[in-house]
Amino acid sequence: MKVEVRDNGRGVPDCIRDRIFEPFFTTKAVGQGMGQGLALAHALIVGEHGGSLTFRPTEGGGATFVLFLPLDGNPSWA
């Protein structure tokens, strides 16, 4: 199963694209975010279910996140 989620925000700057799935990485000010959302989503989707979570810039701004989960009935945790 493939799901794409697109937004029209400012996008993901080139300088942080390699880091957005790292635990505790955030672009928010100290005390405003923990940097766990994308890291946890990536760990769950990739590590627990054998899927993938990627993103690509969207023309005109924003980003498209692509979530893929295998439907073969054999998640990695089973």
N, C-alpha and C. Protein backbone atom coordinates (compact mmCIF):
# COMPACT_ATOMS: atom_id res chain seq x y z
N MET A 1 0.85 -1.16 0.00
CA MET A 1 0.00 0.00 0.00
C MET A 1 0.91 1.23 0.00
N LYS A 2 0.56 2.19 -0.83
CA LYS A 2 1.32 3.42 -0.92
C LYS A 2 0.40 4.59 -0.62
N VAL A 3 0.87 5.50 0.25
CA VAL A 3 0.13 6.70 0.59
C VAL A 3 1.07 7.88 0.41
N GLU A 4 0.59 8.91 -0.28
CA GLU A 4 1.37 10.13 -0.44
C GLU A 4 0.63 11.27 0.25
N VAL A 5 1.39 12.04 1.04
CA VAL A 5 0.83 13.19 1.73
C VAL A 5 1.63 14.41 1.29
N ARG A 6 0.94 15.38 0.75
CA ARG A 6 1.58 16.57 0.21
C ARG A 6 1.13 17.80 0.98
N ASP A 7 2.07 18.72 1.23
CA ASP A 7 1.69 19.98 1.86
C ASP A 7 2.16 21.14 0.99
N ASN A 8 1.76 22.33 1.35
CA ASN A 8 2.16 23.51 0.58
C ASN A 8 2.91 24.50 1.45
N GLY A 9 3.63 23.97 2.44
CA GLY A 9 4.40 24.82 3.35
C GLY A 9 5.68 25.33 2.70
N ARG A 10 6.64 25.65 3.53
CA ARG A 10 7.91 26.20 3.06
C ARG A 10 8.84 25.16 2.47
N GLY A 11 8.55 23.90 2.70
CA GLY A 11 9.41 22.83 2.19
C GLY A 11 10.51 22.48 3.18
N VAL A 12 11.36 21.56 2.76
CA VAL A 12 12.47 21.09 3.59
C VAL A 12 13.76 21.61 2.96
N PRO A 13 14.47 22.51 3.65
CA PRO A 13 15.70 23.06 3.08
C PRO A 13 16.74 21.98 2.79
N ASP A 14 17.51 22.18 1.75
CA ASP A 14 18.56 21.22 1.37
C ASP A 14 19.48 20.86 2.54
N CYS A 15 19.81 21.84 3.35
CA CYS A 15 20.80 21.64 4.41
C CYS A 15 20.33 20.70 5.52
N ILE A 16 19.04 20.39 5.61
CA ILE A 16 18.57 19.47 6.66
C ILE A 16 17.92 18.21 6.12
N ARG A 17 17.87 18.06 4.83
CA ARG A 17 17.16 16.90 4.25
C ARG A 17 17.71 15.56 4.71
N ASP A 18 19.01 15.48 4.97
CA ASP A 18 19.59 14.22 5.41
C ASP A 18 19.34 13.93 6.89
N ARG A 19 18.75 14.88 7.61
CA ARG A 19 18.62 14.73 9.05
C ARG A 19 17.18 14.60 9.55
N ILE A 20 16.19 14.80 8.71
CA ILE A 20 14.83 14.95 9.25
C ILE A 20 14.26 13.70 9.91
N PHE A 21 14.83 12.53 9.66
CA PHE A 21 14.35 11.31 10.31
C PHE A 21 15.20 10.94 11.53
N GLU A 22 16.18 11.78 11.88
CA GLU A 22 17.03 11.52 13.05
C GLU A 22 16.26 11.80 14.34
N PRO A 23 16.42 10.92 15.34
CA PRO A 23 15.80 11.19 16.64
C PRO A 23 16.31 12.51 17.23
N PHE A 24 15.44 13.26 17.80
CA PHE A 24 15.71 14.53 18.48
C PHE A 24 16.07 15.68 17.55
N PHE A 25 16.04 15.48 16.25
CA PHE A 25 16.31 16.59 15.34
C PHE A 25 15.04 17.41 15.17
N THR A 26 15.16 18.72 15.37
CA THR A 26 14.03 19.61 15.19
C THR A 26 14.52 20.95 14.67
N THR A 27 13.68 21.64 13.97
CA THR A 27 14.00 23.00 13.51
C THR A 27 13.32 24.03 14.39
N LYS A 28 12.60 23.57 15.38
CA LYS A 28 11.88 24.47 16.28
C LYS A 28 12.82 24.99 17.37
N ALA A 29 12.43 26.08 17.98
CA ALA A 29 13.20 26.66 19.07
C ALA A 29 13.23 25.71 20.27
N VAL A 30 14.23 25.87 21.11
CA VAL A 30 14.34 25.06 22.33
C VAL A 30 13.06 25.18 23.13
N GLY A 31 12.54 24.04 23.54
CA GLY A 31 11.31 24.01 24.31
C GLY A 31 10.04 23.97 23.46
N GLN A 32 10.18 24.06 22.14
CA GLN A 32 9.02 24.08 21.25
C GLN A 32 8.76 22.74 20.56
N GLY A 33 9.73 21.87 20.55
CA GLY A 33 9.54 20.58 19.89
C GLY A 33 10.58 19.58 20.36
N MET A 34 10.23 18.31 20.30
CA MET A 34 11.14 17.28 20.77
C MET A 34 11.85 16.56 19.64
N GLY A 35 11.42 16.73 18.40
CA GLY A 35 12.08 16.09 17.29
C GLY A 35 11.86 14.59 17.24
N GLN A 36 10.71 14.14 17.66
CA GLN A 36 10.45 12.71 17.70
C GLN A 36 9.45 12.23 16.65
N GLY A 37 8.62 13.11 16.13
CA GLY A 37 7.54 12.69 15.23
C GLY A 37 8.00 11.91 14.02
N LEU A 38 8.85 12.50 13.19
CA LEU A 38 9.30 11.81 11.98
C LEU A 38 10.23 10.65 12.31
N ALA A 39 11.04 10.78 13.36
CA ALA A 39 11.92 9.68 13.76
C ALA A 39 11.12 8.46 14.19
N LEU A 40 10.08 8.67 14.99
CA LEU A 40 9.24 7.55 15.43
C LEU A 40 8.46 6.94 14.27
N ALA A 41 7.92 7.80 13.41
CA ALA A 41 7.19 7.29 12.25
C ALA A 41 8.11 6.44 11.38
N HIS A 42 9.32 6.92 11.14
CA HIS A 42 10.28 6.19 10.31
C HIS A 42 10.64 4.85 10.96
N ALA A 43 10.93 4.86 12.25
CA ALA A 43 11.28 3.62 12.95
C ALA A 43 10.15 2.61 12.89
N LEU A 44 8.94 3.04 13.08
CA LEU A 44 7.79 2.14 13.06
C LEU A 44 7.53 1.58 11.66
N ILE A 45 7.51 2.45 10.68
CA ILE A 45 7.19 2.04 9.31
C ILE A 45 8.29 1.16 8.73
N VAL A 46 9.54 1.57 8.90
CA VAL A 46 10.67 0.84 8.31
C VAL A 46 11.07 -0.35 9.18
N GLY A 47 11.35 -0.06 10.45
CA GLY A 47 11.86 -1.10 11.33
C GLY A 47 10.86 -2.16 11.73
N GLU A 48 9.64 -1.77 12.00
CA GLU A 48 8.64 -2.71 12.49
C GLU A 48 7.78 -3.35 11.41
N HIS A 49 7.58 -2.63 10.32
CA HIS A 49 6.68 -3.13 9.29
C HIS A 49 7.34 -3.41 7.95
N GLY A 50 8.64 -3.17 7.84
CA GLY A 50 9.36 -3.47 6.60
C GLY A 50 8.97 -2.58 5.43
N GLY A 51 8.46 -1.40 5.73
CA GLY A 51 8.05 -0.47 4.68
C GLY A 51 9.10 0.59 4.43
N SER A 52 8.66 1.70 3.90
CA SER A 52 9.56 2.83 3.67
C SER A 52 8.81 4.14 3.89
N LEU A 53 9.57 5.14 4.29
CA LEU A 53 9.05 6.50 4.46
C LEU A 53 10.08 7.43 3.85
N THR A 54 9.69 8.12 2.80
CA THR A 54 10.59 9.02 2.10
C THR A 54 9.86 10.34 1.86
N PHE A 55 10.59 11.31 1.33
CA PHE A 55 9.95 12.56 0.96
C PHE A 55 10.69 13.15 -0.22
N ARG A 56 10.01 14.05 -0.88
CA ARG A 56 10.62 14.78 -1.99
C ARG A 56 10.04 16.19 -2.00
N PRO A 57 10.83 17.14 -2.45
CA PRO A 57 10.31 18.50 -2.54
C PRO A 57 9.16 18.56 -3.53
N THR A 58 8.23 19.46 -3.27
CA THR A 58 7.11 19.68 -4.16
C THR A 58 7.35 20.98 -4.92
N GLU A 59 7.19 20.94 -6.21
CA GLU A 59 7.40 22.13 -7.02
C GLU A 59 6.53 23.28 -6.51
N GLY A 60 7.13 24.43 -6.31
CA GLY A 60 6.40 25.59 -5.82
C GLY A 60 6.37 25.69 -4.31
N GLY A 61 7.04 24.78 -3.60
CA GLY A 61 7.08 24.79 -2.14
C GLY A 61 6.41 23.57 -1.56
N GLY A 62 6.71 23.32 -0.33
CA GLY A 62 6.14 22.17 0.34
C GLY A 62 6.94 20.91 0.10
N ALA A 63 6.36 19.79 0.49
CA ALA A 63 7.00 18.49 0.34
C ALA A 63 5.93 17.43 0.19
N THR A 64 6.33 16.32 -0.39
CA THR A 64 5.46 15.15 -0.49
C THR A 64 6.13 14.01 0.27
N PHE A 65 5.46 13.49 1.28
CA PHE A 65 5.94 12.34 2.02
C PHE A 65 5.27 11.10 1.46
N VAL A 66 6.08 10.07 1.22
CA VAL A 66 5.58 8.84 0.62
C VAL A 66 5.77 7.70 1.63
N LEU A 67 4.66 7.11 2.00
CA LEU A 67 4.64 5.99 2.94
C LEU A 67 4.30 4.73 2.16
N PHE A 68 5.13 3.71 2.31
CA PHE A 68 4.85 2.43 1.66
C PHE A 68 4.86 1.35 2.72
N LEU A 69 3.80 0.55 2.76
CA LEU A 69 3.72 -0.61 3.65
C LEU A 69 3.43 -1.84 2.81
N PRO A 70 4.23 -2.89 2.99
CA PRO A 70 3.99 -4.12 2.22
C PRO A 70 2.68 -4.78 2.66
N LEU A 71 1.98 -5.35 1.70
CA LEU A 71 0.71 -6.01 1.99
C LEU A 71 0.82 -7.54 1.90
N ASP A 72 2.03 -8.05 2.04
CA ASP A 72 2.21 -9.50 1.90
C ASP A 72 1.82 -10.28 3.15
N GLY A 73 1.38 -9.57 4.18
CA GLY A 73 0.95 -10.25 5.39
C GLY A 73 2.07 -10.69 6.29
N ASN A 74 3.29 -10.25 6.03
CA ASN A 74 4.44 -10.67 6.82
C ASN A 74 5.22 -9.48 7.37
N PRO A 75 4.65 -8.75 8.31
CA PRO A 75 5.43 -7.65 8.90
C PRO A 75 6.65 -8.21 9.62
N SER A 76 7.68 -7.40 9.74
CA SER A 76 8.94 -7.88 10.31
C SER A 76 8.80 -8.29 11.78
N TRP A 77 7.76 -7.85 12.48
CA TRP A 77 7.61 -8.18 13.89
C TRP A 77 6.81 -9.45 14.13
N ALA A 78 6.24 -10.03 13.09
CA ALA A 78 5.40 -11.22 13.27
C ALA A 78 6.22 -12.47 13.53
